Amino acid sequence: MDDFARRAALFDLYGELLTEKQRRLVSHRYQSDLSLAEIAELEEITRAAVSESLSAATRSLERFESALGLLRRVARADAALDKARDMSASPIVSSGDWAELTGHISAVIDPAASDGRPSDGV
């Protein structure tokens, strides 16, 4: 995932935790794909102010991800589902494959079980 897509995904997950101004600027940048100059003109602020605000918002989004790990969990669940889909498409599934398949499905249902941590029931 490139930086732009990562920041857009983090905004989708944690955007409500940003200030109103940060939400607006990040939305312009990562959802509307506006340039810094376009955002500056739209918001009637300098390009430097846009850049500084976006940098601060990005640092906040990364801190939220570091603390909560939602994007990492979504990526793990997507990978497990992809593996399960690939395996279930096979016409012949051995008992070993079946165990692996159920393991991938379990990783989606209970991500804590797949990373060695105790489940919190969520």
Protein backbone atom coordinates (compact mmCIF):
# COMPACT_ATOMS: atom_id res chain seq x y z
CA MET A 1 0.00 0.00 0.00
CA ASP A 2 1.49 3.35 -0.99
CA ASP A 3 1.61 6.32 1.42
CA PHE A 4 -1.37 8.09 -0.16
CA ALA A 5 -3.59 5.00 0.09
CA ARG A 6 -2.38 4.31 3.64
CA ARG A 7 -3.24 7.83 4.78
CA ALA A 8 -6.65 7.62 3.12
CA ALA A 9 -7.30 4.29 4.89
CA LEU A 10 -6.15 5.70 8.23
CA PHE A 11 -8.46 8.67 7.72
CA ASP A 12 -11.37 6.31 7.05
CA LEU A 13 -10.65 4.50 10.31
CA TYR A 14 -9.66 7.36 12.61
CA GLY A 15 -10.85 10.56 10.92
CA GLU A 16 -13.44 11.30 13.58
CA LEU A 17 -10.64 11.59 16.14
CA LEU A 18 -9.10 14.56 14.33
CA THR A 19 -10.08 18.18 14.83
CA GLU A 20 -12.73 19.60 12.48
CA LYS A 21 -10.09 21.59 10.58
CA GLN A 22 -7.82 18.56 10.25
CA ARG A 23 -10.75 16.41 9.05
CA ARG A 24 -11.63 18.99 6.41
CA LEU A 25 -8.05 19.33 5.13
CA VAL A 26 -7.38 15.58 5.12
CA SER A 27 -10.68 14.99 3.34
CA HIS A 28 -9.74 17.51 0.64
CA ARG A 29 -6.35 15.85 0.21
CA TYR A 30 -7.07 12.14 0.46
CA GLN A 31 -10.73 11.83 -0.50
CA SER A 32 -11.06 14.63 -3.06
CA ASP A 33 -7.41 14.28 -4.21
CA LEU A 34 -6.83 18.05 -4.21
CA SER A 35 -3.33 19.50 -4.37
CA LEU A 36 -1.94 21.55 -1.50
CA ALA A 37 -2.36 24.71 -3.61
CA GLU A 38 -6.00 23.84 -4.36
CA ILE A 39 -6.70 23.23 -0.67
CA ALA A 40 -4.98 26.48 0.29
CA GLU A 41 -7.12 28.42 -2.16
CA LEU A 42 -10.31 26.69 -1.06
CA GLU A 43 -9.60 27.19 2.66
CA GLU A 44 -8.10 30.68 2.17
CA ILE A 45 -4.88 29.79 3.98
CA THR A 46 -1.29 29.48 2.84
CA ARG A 47 0.08 26.38 1.19
CA ALA A 48 2.57 26.12 4.08
CA ALA A 49 -0.32 26.12 6.59
CA VAL A 50 -2.00 23.32 4.64
CA SER A 51 1.22 21.32 4.60
CA GLU A 52 1.83 21.80 8.33
CA SER A 53 -1.77 20.90 9.23
CA LEU A 54 -1.69 17.79 7.04
CA SER A 55 1.61 16.73 8.59
CA ALA A 56 0.19 17.13 12.10
CA ALA A 57 -2.96 15.23 11.13
CA THR A 58 -0.89 12.44 9.58
CA ARG A 59 1.21 12.13 12.74
CA SER A 60 -2.01 11.88 14.77
CA LEU A 61 -3.44 9.21 12.45
CA GLU A 62 -0.21 7.19 12.72
CA ARG A 63 -0.28 7.49 16.53
CA PHE A 64 -3.87 6.23 16.57
CA GLU A 65 -2.86 3.28 14.39
CA SER A 66 0.16 2.56 16.56
CA ALA A 67 -2.04 2.47 19.65
CA LEU A 68 -5.08 0.69 18.21
CA GLY A 69 -3.81 -1.27 15.19
CA LEU A 70 -7.11 -1.29 13.29
CA LEU A 71 -5.55 -0.97 9.84
CA ARG A 72 -3.13 -3.81 10.65
CA ARG A 73 -6.07 -5.97 11.80
CA VAL A 74 -8.05 -5.20 8.65
CA ALA A 75 -5.04 -6.12 6.50
CA ARG A 76 -4.60 -9.43 8.37
CA ALA A 77 -8.28 -10.26 8.03
CA ASP A 78 -8.21 -9.45 4.29
CA ALA A 79 -5.16 -11.68 3.81
CA ALA A 80 -6.77 -14.54 5.74
CA LEU A 81 -9.98 -14.23 3.73
CA ASP A 82 -8.03 -14.22 0.47
CA LYS A 83 -6.21 -17.41 1.49
CA ALA A 84 -9.49 -19.02 2.57
CA ARG A 85 -11.14 -18.06 -0.73
CA ASP A 86 -8.21 -19.46 -2.72
CA MET A 87 -8.28 -22.73 -0.80
CA SER A 88 -12.05 -23.13 -0.95
CA ALA A 89 -11.96 -22.73 -4.74
CA SER A 90 -10.01 -25.98 -4.98
CA PRO A 91 -12.22 -28.97 -5.91
CA ILE A 92 -10.27 -31.27 -3.58
CA VAL A 93 -9.55 -30.26 -0.01
CA SER A 94 -7.44 -32.62 2.12
CA SER A 95 -7.81 -32.85 5.88
CA GLY A 96 -4.60 -30.81 6.26
CA ASP A 97 -5.94 -28.21 3.87
CA TRP A 98 -9.23 -28.18 5.77
CA ALA A 99 -7.38 -27.46 9.02
CA GLU A 100 -5.45 -24.65 7.35
CA LEU A 101 -8.65 -23.26 5.84
CA THR A 102 -10.41 -23.22 9.20
CA GLY A 103 -7.31 -21.56 10.66
CA HIS A 104 -7.60 -18.72 8.14
CA ILE A 105 -11.29 -18.33 8.89
CA SER A 106 -10.58 -18.37 12.64
CA ALA A 107 -8.00 -15.62 12.14
CA VAL A 108 -10.72 -13.39 10.71
CA ILE A 109 -13.22 -14.23 13.43
CA ASP A 110 -10.74 -13.97 16.33
CA PRO A 111 -7.62 -12.04 15.24
CA ALA A 112 -6.07 -12.26 18.72
CA ALA A 113 -5.92 -16.05 18.42
CA SER A 114 -3.77 -15.79 15.29
CA ASP A 115 -1.16 -13.52 16.86
CA GLY A 116 -0.72 -15.40 20.12
CA ARG A 117 -2.54 -12.93 22.33
CA PRO A 118 -5.49 -13.92 24.50
CA SER A 119 -8.84 -13.09 22.98
CA ASP A 120 -10.72 -10.15 24.44
CA GLY A 121 -14.05 -11.43 23.11
CA VAL A 122 -14.41 -8.59 20.62
